[in-house]
C-alpha atoms as a PDB file:
ATOM      1  CA  MET A   1      13.763 -47.930 -48.930  1.00  0.00           C
ATOM      2  CA  GLY A   2      11.015 -50.268 -48.939  1.00  0.00           C
ATOM      3  CA  ARG A   3      10.519 -53.857 -49.207  1.00  0.00           C
ATOM      4  CA  PRO A   4      10.832 -55.035 -52.943  1.00  0.00           C
ATOM      5  CA  GLU A   5       7.394 -56.186 -54.200  1.00  0.00           C
ATOM      6  CA  PHE A   6       6.896 -59.265 -56.035  1.00  0.00           C
ATOM      7  CA  GLU A   7       4.583 -59.931 -58.827  1.00  0.00           C
ATOM      8  CA  THR A   8       4.218 -63.891 -57.698  1.00  0.00           C
ATOM      9  CA  ALA A   9       6.415 -65.833 -55.484  1.00  0.00           C
ATOM     10  CA  THR A  10       8.417 -68.430 -57.682  1.00  0.00           C
ATOM     11  CA  ALA A  11       9.915 -71.658 -56.707  1.00  0.00           C
ATOM     12  CA  ILE A  12      11.758 -74.285 -58.018  1.00  0.00           C
ATOM     13  CA  VAL A  13      10.940 -77.587 -55.867  1.00  0.00           C
ATOM     14  CA  LEU A  14      13.416 -80.621 -56.545  1.00  0.00           C
ATOM     15  CA  ILE A  15      11.879 -84.247 -55.619  1.00  0.00           C
ATOM     16  CA  THR A  16      13.490 -87.203 -54.577  1.00  0.00           C
ATOM     17  CA  ALA A  17      10.734 -89.931 -55.161  1.00  0.00           C
ATOM     18  CA  GLU A  18      10.331 -93.685 -54.060  1.00  0.00           C
ATOM     19  CA  PRO A  19      11.863 -95.900 -56.658  1.00  0.00           C
ATOM     20  CA  GLY A  20       9.468 -96.679 -59.419  1.00  0.00           C
ATOM     21  CA  LYS A  21       7.020 -94.308 -58.204  1.00  0.00           C
ATOM     22  CA  GLU A  22       8.752 -91.093 -60.539  1.00  0.00           C
ATOM     23  CA  ALA A  23       5.759 -91.593 -63.118  1.00  0.00           C
ATOM     24  CA  ASP A  24       3.252 -91.695 -60.461  1.00  0.00           C
ATOM     25  CA  VAL A  25       4.685 -88.455 -58.774  1.00  0.00           C
ATOM     26  CA  MET A  26       5.006 -86.419 -62.286  1.00  0.00           C
ATOM     27  CA  GLN A  27       1.220 -87.351 -63.289  1.00  0.00           C
ATOM     28  CA  GLU A  28       0.300 -86.049 -59.683  1.00  0.00           C
ATOM     29  CA  LEU A  29       2.245 -82.939 -60.175  1.00  0.00           C
ATOM     30  CA  LYS A  30       0.260 -81.940 -62.952  1.00  0.00           C
ATOM     31  CA  ARG A  31      -2.617 -81.861 -61.106  1.00  0.00           C
ATOM     32  CA  ILE A  32      -1.832 -79.421 -59.381  1.00  0.00           C
ATOM     33  CA  PRO A  33      -2.588 -75.670 -60.652  1.00  0.00           C
ATOM     34  CA  GLU A  34       0.264 -74.101 -58.956  1.00  0.00           C
ATOM     35  CA  VAL A  35       2.830 -76.327 -60.826  1.00  0.00           C
ATOM     36  CA  LYS A  36       3.661 -74.541 -64.030  1.00  0.00           C
ATOM     37  CA  GLU A  37       6.169 -76.864 -65.295  1.00  0.00           C
ATOM     38  CA  ALA A  38       7.110 -80.331 -64.287  1.00  0.00           C
ATOM     39  CA  MET A  39      10.090 -82.850 -65.854  1.00  0.00           C
ATOM     40  CA  LEU A  40      11.605 -86.148 -65.119  1.00  0.00           C
ATOM     41  CA  LEU A  41      15.368 -85.909 -64.095  1.00  0.00           C
ATOM     42  CA  PHE A  42      18.693 -88.050 -63.889  1.00  0.00           C
ATOM     43  CA  GLY A  43      20.758 -87.652 -61.080  1.00  0.00           C
ATOM     44  CA  GLU A  44      20.484 -86.439 -57.377  1.00  0.00           C
ATOM     45  CA  TYR A  45      17.076 -85.575 -57.884  1.00  0.00           C
ATOM     46  CA  ASP A  46      14.269 -87.407 -59.671  1.00  0.00           C
ATOM     47  CA  LEU A  47      11.879 -84.504 -60.658  1.00  0.00           C
ATOM     48  CA  PHE A  48      11.877 -80.702 -60.985  1.00  0.00           C
ATOM     49  CA  ALA A  49       8.413 -78.717 -60.298  1.00  0.00           C
ATOM     50  CA  LYS A  50       8.377 -74.837 -60.887  1.00  0.00           C
ATOM     51  CA  VAL A  51       5.786 -73.487 -58.605  1.00  0.00           C
ATOM     52  CA  GLU A  52       4.053 -69.993 -59.081  1.00  0.00           C
ATOM     53  CA  CYS A  53       1.527 -68.762 -56.680  1.00  0.00           C
ATOM     54  CA  ASN A  54       0.426 -65.072 -55.319  1.00  0.00           C
ATOM     55  CA  ASP A  55       2.562 -64.824 -52.440  1.00  0.00           C
ATOM     56  CA  PHE A  56       5.261 -67.052 -50.607  1.00  0.00           C
ATOM     57  CA  GLY A  57       2.757 -67.909 -47.681  1.00  0.00           C
ATOM     58  CA  SER A  58       0.841 -69.899 -50.468  1.00  0.00           C
ATOM     59  CA  LEU A  59       3.710 -71.382 -52.437  1.00  0.00           C
ATOM     60  CA  GLY A  60       4.844 -73.180 -49.021  1.00  0.00           C
ATOM     61  CA  ASN A  61       1.032 -74.343 -48.464  1.00  0.00           C
ATOM     62  CA  VAL A  62       1.408 -75.540 -52.169  1.00  0.00           C
ATOM     63  CA  VAL A  63       4.995 -77.410 -51.061  1.00  0.00           C
ATOM     64  CA  ILE A  64       3.584 -78.953 -48.026  1.00  0.00           C
ATOM     65  CA  ALA A  65      -0.033 -79.763 -48.427  1.00  0.00           C
ATOM     66  CA  ASN A  66       0.288 -80.501 -52.152  1.00  0.00           C
ATOM     67  CA  ILE A  67       3.769 -81.674 -53.317  1.00  0.00           C
ATOM     68  CA  ARG A  68       5.152 -83.499 -50.016  1.00  0.00           C
ATOM     69  CA  ALA A  69       1.774 -85.047 -49.637  1.00  0.00           C
ATOM     70  CA  ILE A  70       1.965 -86.999 -53.007  1.00  0.00           C
ATOM     71  CA  ASP A  71       2.292 -90.967 -52.488  1.00  0.00           C
ATOM     72  CA  GLY A  72       5.789 -91.578 -53.560  1.00  0.00           C
ATOM     73  CA  VAL A  73       7.422 -88.341 -52.788  1.00  0.00           C
ATOM     74  CA  GLU A  74      10.407 -88.859 -50.026  1.00  0.00           C
ATOM     75  CA  LEU A  75      12.220 -85.609 -50.234  1.00  0.00           C
ATOM     76  CA  THR A  76      12.296 -82.251 -51.407  1.00  0.00           C
ATOM     77  CA  LYS A  77      14.018 -79.181 -51.472  1.00  0.00           C
ATOM     78  CA  THR A  78      12.674 -75.972 -52.236  1.00  0.00           C
ATOM     79  CA  LEU A  79      14.632 -72.755 -54.243  1.00  0.00           C
ATOM     80  CA  THR A  80      12.720 -69.973 -53.986  1.00  0.00           C
ATOM     81  CA  ALA A  81      13.353 -66.974 -56.919  1.00  0.00           C
ATOM     82  CA  ALA A  82      15.246 -64.011 -56.488  1.00  0.00           C
ATOM     83  CA  PRO A  83      13.167 -60.595 -57.354  1.00  0.00           C
ATOM     84  CA  ASN A  84      13.701 -59.215 -60.546  1.00  0.00           C
ATOM     85  CA  SER A  85      15.680 -55.759 -60.084  1.00  0.00           C
END
């Protein structure tokens, strides 16, 4: 039994933004091609982003180099998707 093949690496990124910066962060998220969906939230986290990449290395780079680098992002929590069986 080998390792499972992934068509894409998918993750949900939960984001805490600085107060008052939520809309700015949302606009910047929309500029990242790998962010396929984003929305503002009420509750513990301020924003949600669905990220799809070709592999998990690229996904990590998008989260670290693009999402965490957005002015106003305080914290991220990344939930990687399990493969479909």
